[in-house]
Amino acid sequence: MILRLRVPTAAVVSFLLLSASLLATWSSAAPVADPLGTWVTESGSATVRIANCGPELCGTIVALKEPNDPATGRPKTDKNNPDSGKRSRPLLGVQIVFGMKPSGTASKWNGQVYNAEDGKTYSGNITLQNSGTLKLEGCVLGGLFCKAHTWMRGG
């Protein structure tokens, strides 16, 4: 026995139009950008590579605008680090963004930020503003006071 269903033509046309509309919307949606890649700091003094470090994000200094200390002519070091054993290490290769985990808010990760200029580590976050702009914040007092810097995607 063959069963034949009668579906009104208008319903079929409506269904097909809705399906086509949804498909077009899904296929034209912009891909979600991610913070992975190379970023130039707001001052332009350093280039930082954001990468996956296990399940978290981290950021490492990969280039300096002025890699050598003018006073010594030698590579700049992490001279302000509170750990005296790390003060002679070159700044190139120092991880300054670490432990960044998704915050629950799209395009934002929370973790810690190391500031080589004062040798301190702050709670912080990174927020992808758009595919070419990243906001980095370092905070004190549980996030009560934060200082933000805008980084631009670099090459």
N, C-alpha and C. Protein backbone atom coordinates (compact mmCIF):
# COMPACT_ATOMS: atom_id res chain seq x y z
N MET A 1 0.84 -1.16 0.00
CA MET A 1 0.00 0.00 0.00
C MET A 1 0.89 1.24 0.00
N ILE A 2 0.65 2.12 -0.87
CA ILE A 2 1.41 3.37 -0.98
C ILE A 2 0.56 4.48 -0.43
N LEU A 3 1.17 5.22 0.46
CA LEU A 3 0.47 6.34 1.09
C LEU A 3 0.91 7.62 0.42
N ARG A 4 0.00 8.40 0.05
CA ARG A 4 0.34 9.68 -0.56
C ARG A 4 -0.19 10.79 0.33
N LEU A 5 0.73 11.70 0.66
CA LEU A 5 0.35 12.85 1.46
C LEU A 5 0.20 14.05 0.55
N ARG A 6 -0.78 14.80 0.83
CA ARG A 6 -0.98 16.02 0.07
C ARG A 6 -0.49 17.19 0.92
N VAL A 7 0.54 17.85 0.44
CA VAL A 7 1.09 19.01 1.13
C VAL A 7 0.79 20.22 0.27
N PRO A 8 0.17 21.19 0.87
CA PRO A 8 -0.14 22.39 0.09
C PRO A 8 1.13 22.98 -0.52
N THR A 9 1.05 23.42 -1.74
CA THR A 9 2.19 23.98 -2.45
C THR A 9 2.78 25.18 -1.74
N ALA A 10 1.99 26.02 -1.15
CA ALA A 10 2.47 27.22 -0.44
C ALA A 10 3.35 26.82 0.74
N ALA A 11 2.99 25.72 1.44
CA ALA A 11 3.79 25.27 2.58
C ALA A 11 5.16 24.78 2.11
N VAL A 12 5.19 24.06 1.00
CA VAL A 12 6.46 23.56 0.46
C VAL A 12 7.35 24.74 0.05
N VAL A 13 6.77 25.71 -0.64
CA VAL A 13 7.54 26.87 -1.07
C VAL A 13 8.08 27.64 0.14
N SER A 14 7.26 27.82 1.16
CA SER A 14 7.69 28.53 2.38
C SER A 14 8.84 27.79 3.05
N PHE A 15 8.72 26.45 3.14
CA PHE A 15 9.76 25.64 3.76
C PHE A 15 11.07 25.78 2.99
N LEU A 16 11.00 25.69 1.67
CA LEU A 16 12.21 25.79 0.86
C LEU A 16 12.86 27.17 0.97
N LEU A 17 12.03 28.22 1.00
CA LEU A 17 12.59 29.57 1.14
C LEU A 17 13.25 29.75 2.51
N LEU A 18 12.62 29.25 3.56
CA LEU A 18 13.19 29.35 4.90
C LEU A 18 14.50 28.58 4.97
N SER A 19 14.53 27.39 4.42
CA SER A 19 15.75 26.57 4.42
C SER A 19 16.87 27.26 3.68
N ALA A 20 16.57 27.81 2.52
CA ALA A 20 17.58 28.51 1.74
C ALA A 20 18.10 29.74 2.48
N SER A 21 17.20 30.45 3.14
CA SER A 21 17.59 31.64 3.90
C SER A 21 18.51 31.28 5.05
N LEU A 22 18.18 30.23 5.81
CA LEU A 22 19.04 29.80 6.92
C LEU A 22 20.39 29.33 6.43
N LEU A 23 20.41 28.59 5.34
CA LEU A 23 21.67 28.11 4.78
C LEU A 23 22.54 29.29 4.35
N ALA A 24 21.97 30.27 3.73
CA ALA A 24 22.73 31.45 3.30
C ALA A 24 23.27 32.21 4.50
N THR A 25 22.49 32.31 5.56
CA THR A 25 22.93 33.02 6.76
C THR A 25 24.09 32.28 7.41
N TRP A 26 23.98 30.97 7.54
CA TRP A 26 25.04 30.19 8.19
C TRP A 26 26.31 30.21 7.36
N SER A 27 26.21 30.09 6.07
CA SER A 27 27.41 30.02 5.24
C SER A 27 28.08 31.38 5.07
N SER A 28 27.35 32.47 5.26
CA SER A 28 27.97 33.79 5.09
C SER A 28 28.41 34.40 6.41
N ALA A 29 28.15 33.71 7.52
CA ALA A 29 28.57 34.24 8.81
C ALA A 29 30.09 34.32 8.84
N ALA A 30 30.59 35.42 9.38
CA ALA A 30 32.04 35.61 9.46
C ALA A 30 32.64 34.58 10.41
N PRO A 31 33.79 34.02 10.05
CA PRO A 31 34.41 33.06 10.94
C PRO A 31 34.85 33.77 12.22
N VAL A 32 34.78 33.04 13.33
CA VAL A 32 35.18 33.62 14.60
C VAL A 32 36.70 33.78 14.58
N ALA A 33 37.17 34.99 14.84
CA ALA A 33 38.60 35.24 14.88
C ALA A 33 39.14 34.74 16.21
N ASP A 34 40.42 34.45 16.25
CA ASP A 34 41.02 34.04 17.50
C ASP A 34 42.27 34.88 17.75
N PRO A 35 42.74 34.88 18.98
CA PRO A 35 43.89 35.72 19.32
C PRO A 35 45.23 35.11 18.97
N LEU A 36 45.25 33.90 18.45
CA LEU A 36 46.51 33.25 18.13
C LEU A 36 47.22 34.03 17.03
N GLY A 37 48.51 34.20 17.20
CA GLY A 37 49.29 34.91 16.19
C GLY A 37 50.24 35.90 16.83
N THR A 38 50.74 36.79 16.01
CA THR A 38 51.75 37.75 16.42
C THR A 38 51.12 39.13 16.58
N TRP A 39 51.45 39.81 17.70
CA TRP A 39 50.87 41.09 18.06
C TRP A 39 51.97 42.08 18.41
N VAL A 40 51.80 43.32 17.96
CA VAL A 40 52.73 44.40 18.29
C VAL A 40 52.12 45.18 19.45
N THR A 41 52.93 45.40 20.49
CA THR A 41 52.43 46.10 21.67
C THR A 41 52.07 47.54 21.32
N GLU A 42 51.28 48.17 22.20
CA GLU A 42 50.80 49.53 21.96
C GLU A 42 51.94 50.50 21.70
N SER A 43 53.02 50.37 22.44
CA SER A 43 54.16 51.29 22.28
C SER A 43 55.01 50.94 21.05
N GLY A 44 54.79 49.74 20.51
CA GLY A 44 55.59 49.30 19.37
C GLY A 44 56.96 48.77 19.77
N SER A 45 57.19 48.67 21.07
CA SER A 45 58.52 48.26 21.54
C SER A 45 58.75 46.76 21.50
N ALA A 46 57.68 45.97 21.42
CA ALA A 46 57.83 44.52 21.42
C ALA A 46 56.79 43.86 20.53
N THR A 47 57.13 42.66 20.08
CA THR A 47 56.21 41.81 19.35
C THR A 47 56.03 40.55 20.18
N VAL A 48 54.77 40.16 20.39
CA VAL A 48 54.43 39.03 21.25
C VAL A 48 53.65 38.01 20.43
N ARG A 49 54.02 36.75 20.58
CA ARG A 49 53.28 35.69 19.89
C ARG A 49 52.34 35.02 20.90
N ILE A 50 51.05 35.06 20.60
CA ILE A 50 50.04 34.38 21.42
C ILE A 50 49.86 32.99 20.81
N ALA A 51 49.98 31.96 21.65
CA ALA A 51 49.89 30.58 21.18
C ALA A 51 49.15 29.74 22.21
N ASN A 52 48.79 28.54 21.79
CA ASN A 52 48.21 27.58 22.72
C ASN A 52 49.34 27.00 23.55
N CYS A 53 49.14 26.97 24.85
CA CYS A 53 50.05 26.31 25.78
C CYS A 53 49.21 25.30 26.53
N GLY A 54 49.09 24.11 25.94
CA GLY A 54 48.16 23.14 26.49
C GLY A 54 46.75 23.67 26.29
N PRO A 55 45.92 23.61 27.34
CA PRO A 55 44.54 24.09 27.20
C PRO A 55 44.40 25.60 27.39
N GLU A 56 45.50 26.28 27.63
CA GLU A 56 45.48 27.72 27.90
C GLU A 56 46.20 28.48 26.79
N LEU A 57 46.09 29.80 26.83
CA LEU A 57 46.84 30.66 25.92
C LEU A 57 48.00 31.28 26.67
N CYS A 58 49.10 31.49 25.96
CA CYS A 58 50.24 32.19 26.54
C CYS A 58 50.81 33.12 25.48
N GLY A 59 51.62 34.07 25.93
CA GLY A 59 52.22 35.03 25.01
C GLY A 59 53.69 35.22 25.35
N THR A 60 54.52 35.13 24.33
CA THR A 60 55.97 35.20 24.50
C THR A 60 56.55 36.32 23.64
N ILE A 61 57.50 37.06 24.19
CA ILE A 61 58.17 38.11 23.42
C ILE A 61 59.02 37.44 22.35
N VAL A 62 58.76 37.79 21.08
CA VAL A 62 59.51 37.19 19.97
C VAL A 62 60.38 38.21 19.25
N ALA A 63 60.17 39.50 19.51
CA ALA A 63 61.00 40.54 18.89
C ALA A 63 60.91 41.80 19.73
N LEU A 64 61.99 42.57 19.71
CA LEU A 64 62.04 43.87 20.37
C LEU A 64 62.45 44.92 19.35
N LYS A 65 61.83 46.08 19.42
CA LYS A 65 62.20 47.17 18.51
C LYS A 65 63.66 47.53 18.70
N GLU A 66 64.08 47.61 19.96
CA GLU A 66 65.48 47.84 20.31
C GLU A 66 65.95 46.66 21.14
N PRO A 67 66.49 45.62 20.50
CA PRO A 67 66.84 44.41 21.23
C PRO A 67 68.04 44.55 22.17
N ASN A 68 68.87 45.56 21.93
CA ASN A 68 70.06 45.73 22.76
C ASN A 68 69.92 46.89 23.73
N ASP A 69 70.49 46.71 24.90
CA ASP A 69 70.52 47.75 25.93
C ASP A 69 71.51 48.82 25.49
N PRO A 70 71.09 50.09 25.34
CA PRO A 70 72.01 51.14 24.89
C PRO A 70 73.22 51.32 25.81
N ALA A 71 73.03 51.04 27.09
CA ALA A 71 74.13 51.23 28.04
C ALA A 71 75.23 50.18 27.88
N THR A 72 74.85 48.97 27.51
CA THR A 72 75.85 47.89 27.42
C THR A 72 76.10 47.40 26.01
N GLY A 73 75.15 47.67 25.10
CA GLY A 73 75.28 47.15 23.74
C GLY A 73 74.96 45.67 23.66
N ARG A 74 74.56 45.07 24.77
CA ARG A 74 74.23 43.65 24.81
C ARG A 74 72.71 43.48 24.80
N PRO A 75 72.22 42.28 24.51
CA PRO A 75 70.77 42.06 24.50
C PRO A 75 70.11 42.47 25.82
N LYS A 76 68.93 43.08 25.70
CA LYS A 76 68.17 43.49 26.89
C LYS A 76 67.82 42.25 27.71
N THR A 77 67.87 42.43 29.03
CA THR A 77 67.57 41.33 29.94
C THR A 77 66.36 41.66 30.80
N ASP A 78 65.91 40.66 31.51
CA ASP A 78 64.76 40.78 32.41
C ASP A 78 65.26 41.34 33.76
N LYS A 79 65.90 42.48 33.71
CA LYS A 79 66.63 43.04 34.86
C LYS A 79 65.76 43.43 36.04
N ASN A 80 64.46 43.59 35.85
CA ASN A 80 63.56 43.97 36.95
C ASN A 80 62.84 42.78 37.58
N ASN A 81 63.17 41.57 37.15
CA ASN A 81 62.49 40.39 37.68
C ASN A 81 62.80 40.25 39.17
N PRO A 82 61.77 39.97 39.99
CA PRO A 82 62.01 39.81 41.43
C PRO A 82 62.89 38.59 41.77
N ASP A 83 62.94 37.62 40.86
CA ASP A 83 63.80 36.45 41.03
C ASP A 83 65.18 36.80 40.49
N SER A 84 66.14 36.98 41.38
CA SER A 84 67.48 37.42 40.96
C SER A 84 68.11 36.46 39.95
N GLY A 85 67.72 35.20 39.98
CA GLY A 85 68.25 34.23 39.04
C GLY A 85 67.77 34.43 37.61
N LYS A 86 66.70 35.20 37.45
CA LYS A 86 66.14 35.44 36.11
C LYS A 86 66.52 36.81 35.54
N ARG A 87 67.19 37.63 36.31
CA ARG A 87 67.49 38.99 35.86
C ARG A 87 68.47 39.05 34.70
N SER A 88 69.26 38.03 34.50
CA SER A 88 70.23 38.06 33.40
C SER A 88 69.71 37.37 32.15
N ARG A 89 68.50 36.82 32.20
CA ARG A 89 67.98 36.14 31.00
C ARG A 89 67.54 37.18 29.97
N PRO A 90 67.77 36.89 28.70
CA PRO A 90 67.34 37.83 27.65
C PRO A 90 65.83 37.99 27.64
N LEU A 91 65.35 39.20 27.33
CA LEU A 91 63.90 39.44 27.24
C LEU A 91 63.26 38.66 26.09
N LEU A 92 64.02 38.47 25.02
CA LEU A 92 63.49 37.65 23.92
C LEU A 92 63.24 36.26 24.45
N GLY A 93 62.03 35.78 24.26
CA GLY A 93 61.67 34.45 24.73
C GLY A 93 60.97 34.43 26.08
N VAL A 94 60.89 35.59 26.75
CA VAL A 94 60.21 35.64 28.04
C VAL A 94 58.70 35.60 27.83
N GLN A 95 58.04 34.73 28.59
CA GLN A 95 56.58 34.63 28.53
C GLN A 95 56.00 35.74 29.41
N ILE A 96 55.16 36.59 28.80
CA ILE A 96 54.57 37.71 29.55
C ILE A 96 53.06 37.58 29.70
N VAL A 97 52.45 36.66 28.99
CA VAL A 97 51.02 36.37 29.10
C VAL A 97 50.93 34.88 29.35
N PHE A 98 50.27 34.48 30.44
CA PHE A 98 50.19 33.05 30.70
C PHE A 98 48.93 32.67 31.47
N GLY A 99 48.60 31.39 31.34
CA GLY A 99 47.44 30.86 32.04
C GLY A 99 46.11 31.43 31.59
N MET A 100 46.03 31.92 30.36
CA MET A 100 44.79 32.53 29.88
C MET A 100 43.77 31.45 29.52
N LYS A 101 42.63 31.50 30.23
CA LYS A 101 41.55 30.54 30.00
C LYS A 101 40.31 31.30 29.55
N PRO A 102 39.44 30.65 28.79
CA PRO A 102 38.20 31.32 28.38
C PRO A 102 37.44 31.83 29.60
N SER A 103 36.90 33.03 29.49
CA SER A 103 36.23 33.67 30.62
C SER A 103 34.74 33.38 30.68
N GLY A 104 34.22 32.77 29.63
CA GLY A 104 32.77 32.60 29.54
C GLY A 104 32.14 33.69 28.69
N THR A 105 32.91 34.73 28.41
CA THR A 105 32.48 35.80 27.52
C THR A 105 33.21 35.59 26.19
N ALA A 106 32.50 35.71 25.11
CA ALA A 106 33.11 35.49 23.80
C ALA A 106 34.32 36.41 23.62
N SER A 107 35.38 35.87 23.10
CA SER A 107 36.60 36.60 22.74
C SER A 107 37.35 37.18 23.94
N LYS A 108 37.16 36.61 25.14
CA LYS A 108 37.89 37.11 26.31
C LYS A 108 38.47 35.94 27.09
N TRP A 109 39.73 36.10 27.52
CA TRP A 109 40.43 35.09 28.29
C TRP A 109 41.01 35.73 29.53
N ASN A 110 40.98 35.02 30.65
CA ASN A 110 41.51 35.52 31.92
C ASN A 110 42.73 34.70 32.34
N GLY A 111 43.72 35.39 32.90
CA GLY A 111 44.92 34.71 33.37
C GLY A 111 45.83 35.69 34.07
N GLN A 112 47.11 35.67 33.69
CA GLN A 112 48.10 36.55 34.31
C GLN A 112 48.95 37.21 33.24
N VAL A 113 49.47 38.39 33.64
CA VAL A 113 50.31 39.20 32.74
C VAL A 113 51.56 39.61 33.51
N TYR A 114 52.73 39.36 32.91
CA TYR A 114 53.99 39.77 33.51
C TYR A 114 54.45 41.06 32.84
N ASN A 115 54.77 42.08 33.64
CA ASN A 115 55.26 43.35 33.12
C ASN A 115 56.76 43.41 33.37
N ALA A 116 57.56 43.23 32.32
CA ALA A 116 59.01 43.23 32.47
C ALA A 116 59.55 44.60 32.87
N GLU A 117 58.76 45.67 32.65
CA GLU A 117 59.24 47.01 33.01
C GLU A 117 59.29 47.22 34.52
N ASP A 118 58.39 46.56 35.27
CA ASP A 118 58.43 46.69 36.73
C ASP A 118 58.68 45.36 37.43
N GLY A 119 58.77 44.27 36.66
CA GLY A 119 59.05 42.97 37.23
C GLY A 119 57.90 42.35 38.00
N LYS A 120 56.70 42.84 37.80
CA LYS A 120 55.55 42.34 38.55
C LYS A 120 54.60 41.55 37.65
N THR A 121 53.92 40.60 38.29
CA THR A 121 52.91 39.81 37.61
C THR A 121 51.54 40.24 38.13
N TYR A 122 50.63 40.45 37.20
CA TYR A 122 49.29 40.94 37.52
C TYR A 122 48.25 39.95 37.06
N SER A 123 47.09 39.96 37.72
CA SER A 123 45.96 39.24 37.14
C SER A 123 45.59 40.04 35.90
N GLY A 124 45.08 39.38 34.91
CA GLY A 124 44.77 40.12 33.70
C GLY A 124 43.89 39.36 32.75
N ASN A 125 43.69 39.95 31.61
CA ASN A 125 42.88 39.32 30.59
C ASN A 125 43.26 39.86 29.23
N ILE A 126 42.90 39.10 28.24
CA ILE A 126 43.02 39.56 26.86
C ILE A 126 41.64 39.47 26.24
N THR A 127 41.32 40.48 25.44
CA THR A 127 40.03 40.52 24.76
C THR A 127 40.28 40.81 23.30
N LEU A 128 39.81 39.94 22.45
CA LEU A 128 39.93 40.15 21.02
C LEU A 128 38.86 41.15 20.61
N GLN A 129 39.28 42.35 20.25
CA GLN A 129 38.34 43.42 19.88
C GLN A 129 37.80 43.18 18.47
N ASN A 130 38.68 42.79 17.58
CA ASN A 130 38.33 42.40 16.21
C ASN A 130 39.52 41.60 15.71
N SER A 131 39.52 41.18 14.46
CA SER A 131 40.58 40.30 13.98
C SER A 131 41.97 40.94 14.02
N GLY A 132 42.05 42.28 14.12
CA GLY A 132 43.34 42.95 14.11
C GLY A 132 43.69 43.70 15.37
N THR A 133 42.83 43.63 16.40
CA THR A 133 43.06 44.41 17.62
C THR A 133 42.80 43.55 18.85
N LEU A 134 43.76 43.56 19.77
CA LEU A 134 43.67 42.81 21.00
C LEU A 134 43.86 43.77 22.17
N LYS A 135 42.98 43.70 23.16
CA LYS A 135 43.14 44.52 24.36
C LYS A 135 43.70 43.64 25.46
N LEU A 136 44.81 44.10 26.06
CA LEU A 136 45.42 43.40 27.18
C LEU A 136 45.24 44.27 28.42
N GLU A 137 44.77 43.67 29.51
CA GLU A 137 44.61 44.40 30.76
C GLU A 137 45.38 43.69 31.86
N GLY A 138 46.09 44.49 32.67
CA GLY A 138 46.71 44.01 33.88
C GLY A 138 45.99 44.66 35.04
N CYS A 139 45.65 43.88 36.07
CA CYS A 139 44.80 44.38 37.15
C CYS A 139 45.40 44.10 38.53
N VAL A 140 45.03 44.95 39.48
CA VAL A 140 45.40 44.76 40.88
C VAL A 140 44.12 44.81 41.72
N LEU A 141 44.27 44.38 42.97
CA LEU A 141 43.15 44.39 43.92
C LEU A 141 41.92 43.66 43.38
N GLY A 142 42.17 42.45 42.86
CA GLY A 142 41.06 41.63 42.38
C GLY A 142 40.32 42.20 41.20
N GLY A 143 41.00 43.01 40.39
CA GLY A 143 40.37 43.58 39.21
C GLY A 143 39.74 44.93 39.45
N LEU A 144 39.95 45.49 40.65
CA LEU A 144 39.38 46.80 40.96
C LEU A 144 40.02 47.90 40.12
N PHE A 145 41.33 47.79 39.93
CA PHE A 145 42.05 48.76 39.11
C PHE A 145 42.77 48.02 38.00
N CYS A 146 42.50 48.40 36.78
CA CYS A 146 43.12 47.75 35.63
C CYS A 146 43.72 48.81 34.69
N LYS A 147 44.79 48.42 34.04
CA LYS A 147 45.40 49.28 33.02
C LYS A 147 45.37 48.49 31.71
N ALA A 148 44.85 49.13 30.68
CA ALA A 148 44.69 48.44 29.40
C ALA A 148 45.68 48.95 28.36
N HIS A 149 46.07 48.05 27.49
CA HIS A 149 46.91 48.37 26.34
C HIS A 149 46.27 47.72 25.12
N THR A 150 46.36 48.38 24.00
CA THR A 150 45.82 47.84 22.76
C THR A 150 46.98 47.37 21.89
N TRP A 151 46.92 46.13 21.47
CA TRP A 151 47.92 45.55 20.60
C TRP A 151 47.32 45.39 19.21
N MET A 152 48.17 45.54 18.21
CA MET A 152 47.74 45.38 16.82
C MET A 152 48.37 44.10 16.25
N ARG A 153 47.61 43.43 15.42
CA ARG A 153 48.14 42.21 14.81
C ARG A 153 49.35 42.58 13.95
N GLY A 154 50.41 41.83 14.14
CA GLY A 154 51.66 42.12 13.42
C GLY A 154 52.01 41.02 12.46
N GLY A 155 53.10 41.23 11.77
CA GLY A 155 53.51 40.26 10.76
C GLY A 155 54.63 39.42 11.12
